[in-house]
Amino acid sequence: MPEINLAVEDFILPSTGDKEFSLANCTGKNVIIYFYPKDDTPGCTIEGQNFRDNWHLFTEMNCIIVGVSRDSIKSHEGFKAKMQFPFELLSDADEKVCDLFGVMKMKNMYGKQVRGIERSTFVIDTQGILRKEWRGVKVPGHIQEVLDFVNTFSQQ
């Protein structure tokens, strides 16, 4: 798992827009990576909408936003179009990046134990250094926390 104030290992994932996302290609930009459980579900939709609605504020602070789940690119493309997300969604079907960030957890769903993504957000600076992480994210108020952190961080 990445540690605060240390470099994050490069990774490459398929992205919406018929692209590949590589962390190494983001040098010079702050990168916000948010992991979410599933496309088009209530909490994930609201979280994505909150990032979408504040996207312009993040871009003003030299940030790229990407969402990551295990859903397929086809699913991501539909979700992105439906929600009009201005940022890319990455598909981690084999869970390699989820494992890299340590976001796979056992969760209770309708009384059953299931393995899934723990909603988490990571801020990586312009040099690829992890500056902040939030794990077990609760959607209400979260985007404001990320904005506040990036705002203080980007002024350093």
N, C-alpha and C. Protein backbone atom coordinates (compact mmCIF):
# COMPACT_ATOMS: atom_id res chain seq x y z
N MET A 1 0.85 -1.19 0.00
CA MET A 1 0.00 0.00 0.00
C MET A 1 0.89 1.24 0.00
N PRO A 2 0.45 2.27 -0.70
CA PRO A 2 1.22 3.51 -0.68
C PRO A 2 1.19 4.15 0.71
N GLU A 3 2.26 4.85 1.03
CA GLU A 3 2.34 5.52 2.32
C GLU A 3 2.41 7.02 2.11
N ILE A 4 1.84 7.76 3.05
CA ILE A 4 1.85 9.22 2.99
C ILE A 4 3.30 9.70 2.88
N ASN A 5 3.51 10.69 2.03
CA ASN A 5 4.80 11.32 1.77
C ASN A 5 5.81 10.44 1.04
N LEU A 6 5.35 9.34 0.45
CA LEU A 6 6.21 8.50 -0.38
C LEU A 6 5.60 8.39 -1.78
N ALA A 7 6.45 8.08 -2.75
CA ALA A 7 6.01 7.95 -4.13
C ALA A 7 5.05 6.78 -4.28
N VAL A 8 4.06 6.96 -5.14
CA VAL A 8 3.10 5.92 -5.46
C VAL A 8 3.62 5.17 -6.69
N GLU A 9 3.58 3.86 -6.62
CA GLU A 9 4.01 3.02 -7.74
C GLU A 9 3.15 3.31 -8.97
N ASP A 10 3.81 3.41 -10.12
CA ASP A 10 3.07 3.66 -11.37
C ASP A 10 2.13 2.49 -11.65
N PHE A 11 1.04 2.81 -12.31
CA PHE A 11 0.11 1.79 -12.77
C PHE A 11 -0.54 2.27 -14.06
N ILE A 12 -1.05 1.33 -14.81
CA ILE A 12 -1.76 1.64 -16.05
C ILE A 12 -3.08 0.89 -16.03
N LEU A 13 -4.16 1.60 -16.33
CA LEU A 13 -5.49 0.99 -16.39
C LEU A 13 -6.23 1.48 -17.63
N PRO A 14 -7.12 0.63 -18.18
CA PRO A 14 -7.97 1.10 -19.27
C PRO A 14 -8.92 2.18 -18.76
N SER A 15 -9.16 3.16 -19.62
CA SER A 15 -9.94 4.34 -19.25
C SER A 15 -11.06 4.57 -20.24
N THR A 16 -12.08 5.27 -19.78
CA THR A 16 -13.12 5.72 -20.70
C THR A 16 -12.48 6.61 -21.75
N GLY A 17 -13.19 6.80 -22.83
CA GLY A 17 -12.65 7.60 -23.92
C GLY A 17 -11.66 6.82 -24.76
N ASP A 18 -11.69 5.48 -24.64
CA ASP A 18 -10.81 4.61 -25.41
C ASP A 18 -9.34 4.96 -25.19
N LYS A 19 -8.98 5.17 -23.93
CA LYS A 19 -7.62 5.56 -23.55
C LYS A 19 -7.08 4.59 -22.52
N GLU A 20 -5.81 4.81 -22.20
CA GLU A 20 -5.18 4.17 -21.04
C GLU A 20 -4.73 5.27 -20.11
N PHE A 21 -4.89 5.03 -18.81
CA PHE A 21 -4.43 5.98 -17.81
C PHE A 21 -3.16 5.44 -17.19
N SER A 22 -2.12 6.26 -17.16
CA SER A 22 -0.87 5.92 -16.49
C SER A 22 -0.57 7.01 -15.48
N LEU A 23 -0.33 6.64 -14.25
CA LEU A 23 0.00 7.63 -13.22
C LEU A 23 1.26 8.39 -13.61
N ALA A 24 2.23 7.69 -14.20
CA ALA A 24 3.50 8.33 -14.58
C ALA A 24 3.28 9.47 -15.58
N ASN A 25 2.22 9.38 -16.37
CA ASN A 25 1.94 10.44 -17.35
C ASN A 25 1.31 11.68 -16.73
N CYS A 26 1.08 11.65 -15.42
CA CYS A 26 0.42 12.77 -14.74
C CYS A 26 1.40 13.68 -14.00
N THR A 27 2.69 13.45 -14.16
CA THR A 27 3.68 14.31 -13.51
C THR A 27 3.38 15.75 -13.88
N GLY A 28 3.41 16.63 -12.88
CA GLY A 28 3.10 18.04 -13.09
C GLY A 28 1.67 18.39 -12.75
N LYS A 29 0.85 17.37 -12.48
CA LYS A 29 -0.55 17.58 -12.06
C LYS A 29 -0.77 16.90 -10.72
N ASN A 30 -1.65 17.47 -9.91
CA ASN A 30 -2.13 16.77 -8.73
C ASN A 30 -3.19 15.78 -9.21
N VAL A 31 -3.16 14.57 -8.67
CA VAL A 31 -4.10 13.53 -9.11
C VAL A 31 -4.97 13.11 -7.93
N ILE A 32 -6.28 13.17 -8.15
CA ILE A 32 -7.24 12.69 -7.17
C ILE A 32 -7.80 11.40 -7.73
N ILE A 33 -7.55 10.31 -7.00
CA ILE A 33 -8.06 9.00 -7.40
C ILE A 33 -9.12 8.62 -6.38
N TYR A 34 -10.33 8.41 -6.86
CA TYR A 34 -11.36 7.93 -5.93
C TYR A 34 -11.83 6.55 -6.36
N PHE A 35 -11.79 5.63 -5.42
CA PHE A 35 -12.25 4.25 -5.62
C PHE A 35 -13.68 4.17 -5.13
N TYR A 36 -14.53 3.55 -5.94
CA TYR A 36 -15.94 3.42 -5.58
C TYR A 36 -16.42 2.01 -5.93
N PRO A 37 -17.43 1.52 -5.21
CA PRO A 37 -17.84 0.13 -5.40
C PRO A 37 -18.45 -0.23 -6.75
N LYS A 38 -19.40 0.58 -7.27
CA LYS A 38 -20.13 0.10 -8.46
C LYS A 38 -20.79 1.26 -9.19
N ASP A 39 -20.69 1.22 -10.53
CA ASP A 39 -21.35 2.21 -11.38
C ASP A 39 -22.85 2.23 -11.12
N ASP A 40 -23.41 3.44 -11.21
CA ASP A 40 -24.86 3.63 -11.24
C ASP A 40 -25.59 3.13 -10.00
N THR A 41 -24.92 3.14 -8.86
CA THR A 41 -25.58 2.83 -7.59
C THR A 41 -25.72 4.16 -6.84
N PRO A 42 -26.63 4.23 -5.86
CA PRO A 42 -26.94 5.53 -5.26
C PRO A 42 -25.72 6.29 -4.69
N GLY A 43 -24.96 5.67 -3.81
CA GLY A 43 -23.83 6.38 -3.20
C GLY A 43 -22.76 6.74 -4.21
N CYS A 44 -22.49 5.84 -5.14
CA CYS A 44 -21.46 6.08 -6.16
C CYS A 44 -21.89 7.17 -7.13
N THR A 45 -23.18 7.22 -7.42
CA THR A 45 -23.71 8.26 -8.30
C THR A 45 -23.56 9.62 -7.63
N ILE A 46 -23.96 9.72 -6.37
CA ILE A 46 -23.86 11.00 -5.66
C ILE A 46 -22.40 11.43 -5.53
N GLU A 47 -21.52 10.50 -5.20
CA GLU A 47 -20.10 10.85 -5.08
C GLU A 47 -19.57 11.38 -6.42
N GLY A 48 -19.86 10.68 -7.50
CA GLY A 48 -19.42 11.12 -8.82
C GLY A 48 -19.99 12.48 -9.19
N GLN A 49 -21.28 12.69 -8.88
CA GLN A 49 -21.90 13.98 -9.15
C GLN A 49 -21.23 15.10 -8.36
N ASN A 50 -20.86 14.81 -7.12
CA ASN A 50 -20.19 15.81 -6.29
C ASN A 50 -18.82 16.18 -6.88
N PHE A 51 -18.07 15.18 -7.35
CA PHE A 51 -16.80 15.48 -8.02
C PHE A 51 -17.08 16.27 -9.31
N ARG A 52 -18.09 15.84 -10.06
CA ARG A 52 -18.45 16.55 -11.31
C ARG A 52 -18.79 18.02 -11.03
N ASP A 53 -19.62 18.24 -10.02
CA ASP A 53 -20.10 19.59 -9.75
C ASP A 53 -19.01 20.52 -9.23
N ASN A 54 -17.92 19.95 -8.74
CA ASN A 54 -16.79 20.75 -8.24
C ASN A 54 -15.55 20.60 -9.12
N TRP A 55 -15.70 19.93 -10.25
CA TRP A 55 -14.59 19.66 -11.15
C TRP A 55 -13.82 20.92 -11.52
N HIS A 56 -14.56 22.00 -11.83
CA HIS A 56 -13.89 23.25 -12.22
C HIS A 56 -13.00 23.78 -11.11
N LEU A 57 -13.40 23.61 -9.85
CA LEU A 57 -12.57 24.07 -8.72
C LEU A 57 -11.30 23.24 -8.62
N PHE A 58 -11.43 21.94 -8.84
CA PHE A 58 -10.25 21.07 -8.81
C PHE A 58 -9.30 21.40 -9.96
N THR A 59 -9.86 21.62 -11.15
CA THR A 59 -8.98 21.91 -12.29
C THR A 59 -8.25 23.24 -12.09
N GLU A 60 -8.89 24.19 -11.43
CA GLU A 60 -8.22 25.46 -11.12
C GLU A 60 -7.03 25.26 -10.19
N MET A 61 -7.03 24.15 -9.44
CA MET A 61 -5.92 23.83 -8.52
C MET A 61 -5.00 22.77 -9.13
N ASN A 62 -4.99 22.69 -10.48
CA ASN A 62 -4.06 21.81 -11.19
C ASN A 62 -4.29 20.33 -10.88
N CYS A 63 -5.56 19.94 -10.78
CA CYS A 63 -5.89 18.55 -10.43
C CYS A 63 -6.53 17.81 -11.60
N ILE A 64 -6.20 16.53 -11.65
CA ILE A 64 -6.89 15.56 -12.49
C ILE A 64 -7.68 14.67 -11.54
N ILE A 65 -8.91 14.36 -11.90
CA ILE A 65 -9.74 13.44 -11.11
C ILE A 65 -9.96 12.18 -11.94
N VAL A 66 -9.81 11.02 -11.31
CA VAL A 66 -10.19 9.76 -11.94
C VAL A 66 -10.94 8.91 -10.92
N GLY A 67 -11.98 8.25 -11.39
CA GLY A 67 -12.72 7.29 -10.57
C GLY A 67 -12.33 5.88 -10.97
N VAL A 68 -12.22 4.99 -9.99
CA VAL A 68 -11.82 3.60 -10.25
C VAL A 68 -12.81 2.65 -9.60
N SER A 69 -13.27 1.68 -10.40
CA SER A 69 -14.03 0.56 -9.85
C SER A 69 -13.71 -0.68 -10.67
N ARG A 70 -14.30 -1.80 -10.30
CA ARG A 70 -14.06 -3.05 -11.02
C ARG A 70 -14.98 -3.21 -12.23
N ASP A 71 -15.86 -2.26 -12.45
CA ASP A 71 -16.78 -2.33 -13.59
C ASP A 71 -16.04 -2.28 -14.91
N SER A 72 -16.67 -2.77 -15.96
CA SER A 72 -16.08 -2.79 -17.30
C SER A 72 -16.05 -1.38 -17.89
N ILE A 73 -15.23 -1.20 -18.91
CA ILE A 73 -15.20 0.08 -19.62
C ILE A 73 -16.57 0.37 -20.23
N LYS A 74 -17.25 -0.64 -20.76
CA LYS A 74 -18.58 -0.43 -21.32
C LYS A 74 -19.53 0.14 -20.28
N SER A 75 -19.51 -0.44 -19.08
CA SER A 75 -20.35 0.06 -17.99
C SER A 75 -19.94 1.50 -17.63
N HIS A 76 -18.63 1.73 -17.53
CA HIS A 76 -18.13 3.07 -17.22
C HIS A 76 -18.57 4.10 -18.26
N GLU A 77 -18.49 3.72 -19.54
CA GLU A 77 -18.87 4.66 -20.60
C GLU A 77 -20.33 5.09 -20.44
N GLY A 78 -21.21 4.12 -20.15
CA GLY A 78 -22.62 4.44 -19.95
C GLY A 78 -22.85 5.32 -18.73
N PHE A 79 -22.18 4.99 -17.64
CA PHE A 79 -22.30 5.76 -16.39
C PHE A 79 -21.78 7.18 -16.60
N LYS A 80 -20.63 7.30 -17.22
CA LYS A 80 -20.02 8.61 -17.46
C LYS A 80 -20.93 9.47 -18.33
N ALA A 81 -21.46 8.90 -19.40
CA ALA A 81 -22.35 9.65 -20.30
C ALA A 81 -23.63 10.07 -19.58
N LYS A 82 -24.23 9.13 -18.86
CA LYS A 82 -25.48 9.41 -18.15
C LYS A 82 -25.32 10.54 -17.13
N MET A 83 -24.19 10.54 -16.42
CA MET A 83 -23.95 11.51 -15.36
C MET A 83 -23.18 12.75 -15.86
N GLN A 84 -22.77 12.73 -17.11
CA GLN A 84 -22.01 13.83 -17.71
C GLN A 84 -20.76 14.17 -16.91
N PHE A 85 -20.02 13.13 -16.54
CA PHE A 85 -18.77 13.33 -15.82
C PHE A 85 -17.72 13.91 -16.77
N PRO A 86 -17.03 14.98 -16.37
CA PRO A 86 -15.99 15.57 -17.21
C PRO A 86 -14.63 14.91 -17.00
N PHE A 87 -14.59 13.88 -16.19
CA PHE A 87 -13.34 13.16 -15.89
C PHE A 87 -13.49 11.71 -16.30
N GLU A 88 -12.36 11.01 -16.36
CA GLU A 88 -12.36 9.62 -16.82
C GLU A 88 -12.63 8.65 -15.67
N LEU A 89 -13.18 7.50 -16.04
CA LEU A 89 -13.38 6.38 -15.12
C LEU A 89 -12.47 5.25 -15.59
N LEU A 90 -11.81 4.61 -14.64
CA LEU A 90 -10.84 3.56 -14.94
C LEU A 90 -11.39 2.20 -14.51
N SER A 91 -11.13 1.19 -15.33
CA SER A 91 -11.60 -0.15 -15.04
C SER A 91 -10.47 -1.00 -14.46
N ASP A 92 -10.70 -1.50 -13.25
CA ASP A 92 -9.72 -2.37 -12.59
C ASP A 92 -10.35 -3.73 -12.36
N ALA A 93 -10.72 -4.39 -13.45
CA ALA A 93 -11.44 -5.66 -13.38
C ALA A 93 -10.65 -6.74 -12.66
N ASP A 94 -9.32 -6.73 -12.79
CA ASP A 94 -8.51 -7.75 -12.13
C ASP A 94 -8.03 -7.33 -10.73
N GLU A 95 -8.45 -6.16 -10.28
CA GLU A 95 -8.21 -5.66 -8.92
C GLU A 95 -6.74 -5.37 -8.60
N LYS A 96 -5.88 -5.28 -9.59
CA LYS A 96 -4.46 -5.04 -9.31
C LYS A 96 -4.23 -3.69 -8.63
N VAL A 97 -4.89 -2.64 -9.15
CA VAL A 97 -4.70 -1.32 -8.56
C VAL A 97 -5.46 -1.21 -7.24
N CYS A 98 -6.62 -1.87 -7.16
CA CYS A 98 -7.35 -1.92 -5.88
C CYS A 98 -6.47 -2.55 -4.80
N ASP A 99 -5.76 -3.62 -5.18
CA ASP A 99 -4.85 -4.27 -4.23
C ASP A 99 -3.66 -3.37 -3.91
N LEU A 100 -3.13 -2.69 -4.92
CA LEU A 100 -2.02 -1.77 -4.71
C LEU A 100 -2.37 -0.73 -3.64
N PHE A 101 -3.60 -0.22 -3.70
CA PHE A 101 -4.03 0.81 -2.76
C PHE A 101 -4.70 0.23 -1.51
N GLY A 102 -4.87 -1.08 -1.46
CA GLY A 102 -5.44 -1.72 -0.28
C GLY A 102 -6.89 -1.36 -0.02
N VAL A 103 -7.69 -1.27 -1.08
CA VAL A 103 -9.09 -0.86 -0.91
C VAL A 103 -10.09 -2.02 -0.96
N MET A 104 -9.62 -3.24 -1.21
CA MET A 104 -10.53 -4.39 -1.21
C MET A 104 -10.77 -4.84 0.23
N LYS A 105 -12.05 -4.93 0.60
CA LYS A 105 -12.42 -5.27 1.98
C LYS A 105 -13.61 -6.22 1.99
N MET A 106 -13.74 -6.94 3.09
CA MET A 106 -14.97 -7.72 3.31
C MET A 106 -16.01 -6.76 3.88
N LYS A 107 -17.20 -6.77 3.26
CA LYS A 107 -18.26 -5.86 3.67
C LYS A 107 -19.54 -6.65 3.88
N ASN A 108 -20.43 -6.11 4.68
CA ASN A 108 -21.76 -6.71 4.86
C ASN A 108 -22.72 -6.10 3.87
N MET A 109 -23.38 -6.95 3.08
CA MET A 109 -24.38 -6.47 2.15
C MET A 109 -25.61 -7.35 2.30
N TYR A 110 -26.66 -6.77 2.81
CA TYR A 110 -27.91 -7.49 3.03
C TYR A 110 -27.68 -8.74 3.89
N GLY A 111 -26.84 -8.58 4.91
CA GLY A 111 -26.59 -9.66 5.85
C GLY A 111 -25.58 -10.69 5.40
N LYS A 112 -24.99 -10.50 4.22
CA LYS A 112 -23.99 -11.45 3.72
C LYS A 112 -22.63 -10.77 3.63
N GLN A 113 -21.59 -11.53 3.88
CA GLN A 113 -20.22 -11.04 3.71
C GLN A 113 -19.86 -11.08 2.23
N VAL A 114 -19.47 -9.95 1.68
CA VAL A 114 -19.03 -9.88 0.29
C VAL A 114 -17.73 -9.08 0.23
N ARG A 115 -16.91 -9.44 -0.73
CA ARG A 115 -15.65 -8.73 -0.93
C ARG A 115 -15.91 -7.61 -1.93
N GLY A 116 -15.53 -6.41 -1.55
CA GLY A 116 -15.77 -5.27 -2.44
C GLY A 116 -14.84 -4.12 -2.15
N ILE A 117 -14.98 -3.08 -2.95
CA ILE A 117 -14.15 -1.89 -2.79
C ILE A 117 -14.67 -1.05 -1.63
N GLU A 118 -13.75 -0.69 -0.74
CA GLU A 118 -14.06 0.28 0.31
C GLU A 118 -13.89 1.66 -0.30
N ARG A 119 -14.94 2.47 -0.27
CA ARG A 119 -14.90 3.81 -0.85
C ARG A 119 -13.72 4.57 -0.24
N SER A 120 -12.81 5.01 -1.10
CA SER A 120 -11.56 5.63 -0.65
C SER A 120 -11.11 6.68 -1.66
N THR A 121 -10.41 7.71 -1.17
CA THR A 121 -9.89 8.76 -2.04
C THR A 121 -8.44 9.02 -1.67
N PHE A 122 -7.63 9.26 -2.71
CA PHE A 122 -6.20 9.51 -2.53
C PHE A 122 -5.80 10.75 -3.31
N VAL A 123 -4.96 11.60 -2.70
CA VAL A 123 -4.42 12.78 -3.37
C VAL A 123 -2.93 12.56 -3.56
N ILE A 124 -2.50 12.61 -4.82
CA ILE A 124 -1.11 12.43 -5.19
C ILE A 124 -0.63 13.74 -5.80
N ASP A 125 0.53 14.21 -5.36
CA ASP A 125 0.99 15.52 -5.82
C ASP A 125 1.64 15.48 -7.21
N THR A 126 2.13 16.62 -7.65
CA THR A 126 2.68 16.77 -9.00
C THR A 126 3.92 15.92 -9.24
N GLN A 127 4.54 15.44 -8.18
CA GLN A 127 5.74 14.60 -8.29
C GLN A 127 5.44 13.12 -8.04
N GLY A 128 4.17 12.76 -7.89
CA GLY A 128 3.80 11.36 -7.69
C GLY A 128 3.86 10.90 -6.24
N ILE A 129 3.87 11.87 -5.31
CA ILE A 129 3.95 11.56 -3.87
C ILE A 129 2.54 11.56 -3.28
N LEU A 130 2.21 10.53 -2.52
CA LEU A 130 0.91 10.47 -1.85
C LEU A 130 0.89 11.49 -0.71
N ARG A 131 -0.05 12.39 -0.75
CA ARG A 131 -0.15 13.45 0.26
C ARG A 131 -1.30 13.23 1.25
N LYS A 132 -2.36 12.55 0.83
CA LYS A 132 -3.51 12.37 1.73
C LYS A 132 -4.32 11.18 1.26
N GLU A 133 -4.92 10.48 2.22
CA GLU A 133 -5.86 9.41 1.89
C GLU A 133 -7.05 9.47 2.83
N TRP A 134 -8.17 9.10 2.30
CA TRP A 134 -9.39 8.93 3.08
C TRP A 134 -9.88 7.53 2.79
N ARG A 135 -10.12 6.75 3.83
CA ARG A 135 -10.63 5.38 3.68
C ARG A 135 -11.98 5.28 4.38
N GLY A 136 -12.81 4.37 3.91
CA GLY A 136 -14.15 4.22 4.50
C GLY A 136 -14.95 5.50 4.37
N VAL A 137 -14.85 6.14 3.21
CA VAL A 137 -15.46 7.45 2.97
C VAL A 137 -16.98 7.38 3.08
N LYS A 138 -17.52 8.38 3.75
CA LYS A 138 -18.96 8.64 3.75
C LYS A 138 -19.17 9.80 2.79
N VAL A 139 -20.07 9.65 1.85
CA VAL A 139 -20.21 10.60 0.75
C VAL A 139 -20.55 12.03 1.21
N PRO A 140 -21.54 12.23 2.10
CA PRO A 140 -21.89 13.61 2.45
C PRO A 140 -20.69 14.37 3.04
N GLY A 141 -20.37 15.50 2.43
CA GLY A 141 -19.30 16.35 2.93
C GLY A 141 -17.90 15.96 2.48
N HIS A 142 -17.75 14.80 1.86
CA HIS A 142 -16.41 14.32 1.51
C HIS A 142 -15.71 15.20 0.48
N ILE A 143 -16.41 15.58 -0.56
CA ILE A 143 -15.77 16.35 -1.62
C ILE A 143 -15.27 17.68 -1.06
N GLN A 144 -16.00 18.27 -0.13
CA GLN A 144 -15.53 19.52 0.50
C GLN A 144 -14.24 19.29 1.27
N GLU A 145 -14.12 18.15 1.95
CA GLU A 145 -12.87 17.83 2.65
C GLU A 145 -11.71 17.74 1.66
N VAL A 146 -11.95 17.09 0.53
CA VAL A 146 -10.90 16.95 -0.48
C VAL A 146 -10.54 18.32 -1.04
N LEU A 147 -11.53 19.12 -1.37
CA LEU A 147 -11.29 20.48 -1.87
C LEU A 147 -10.47 21.30 -0.87
N ASP A 148 -10.88 21.25 0.39
CA ASP A 148 -10.17 22.02 1.43
C ASP A 148 -8.72 21.57 1.53
N PHE A 149 -8.49 20.26 1.49
CA PHE A 149 -7.12 19.77 1.59
C PHE A 149 -6.30 20.21 0.37
N VAL A 150 -6.84 20.00 -0.81
CA VAL A 150 -6.10 20.36 -2.02
C VAL A 150 -5.83 21.87 -2.06
N ASN A 151 -6.78 22.66 -1.60
CA ASN A 151 -6.61 24.11 -1.57
C ASN A 151 -5.42 24.51 -0.69
N THR A 152 -5.34 23.94 0.50
CA THR A 152 -4.21 24.28 1.39
C THR A 152 -2.92 23.68 0.83
N PHE A 153 -3.02 22.50 0.29
CA PHE A 153 -1.87 21.79 -0.25
C PHE A 153 -1.31 22.51 -1.48
N SER A 154 -2.19 22.97 -2.37
CA SER A 154 -1.73 23.59 -3.62
C SER A 154 -1.13 24.97 -3.40
N GLN A 155 -1.34 25.54 -2.22
CA GLN A 155 -0.77 26.86 -1.93
C GLN A 155 0.60 26.76 -1.27
N GLN A 156 1.05 25.54 -0.98
CA GLN A 156 2.37 25.37 -0.35
C GLN A 156 3.48 25.61 -1.33
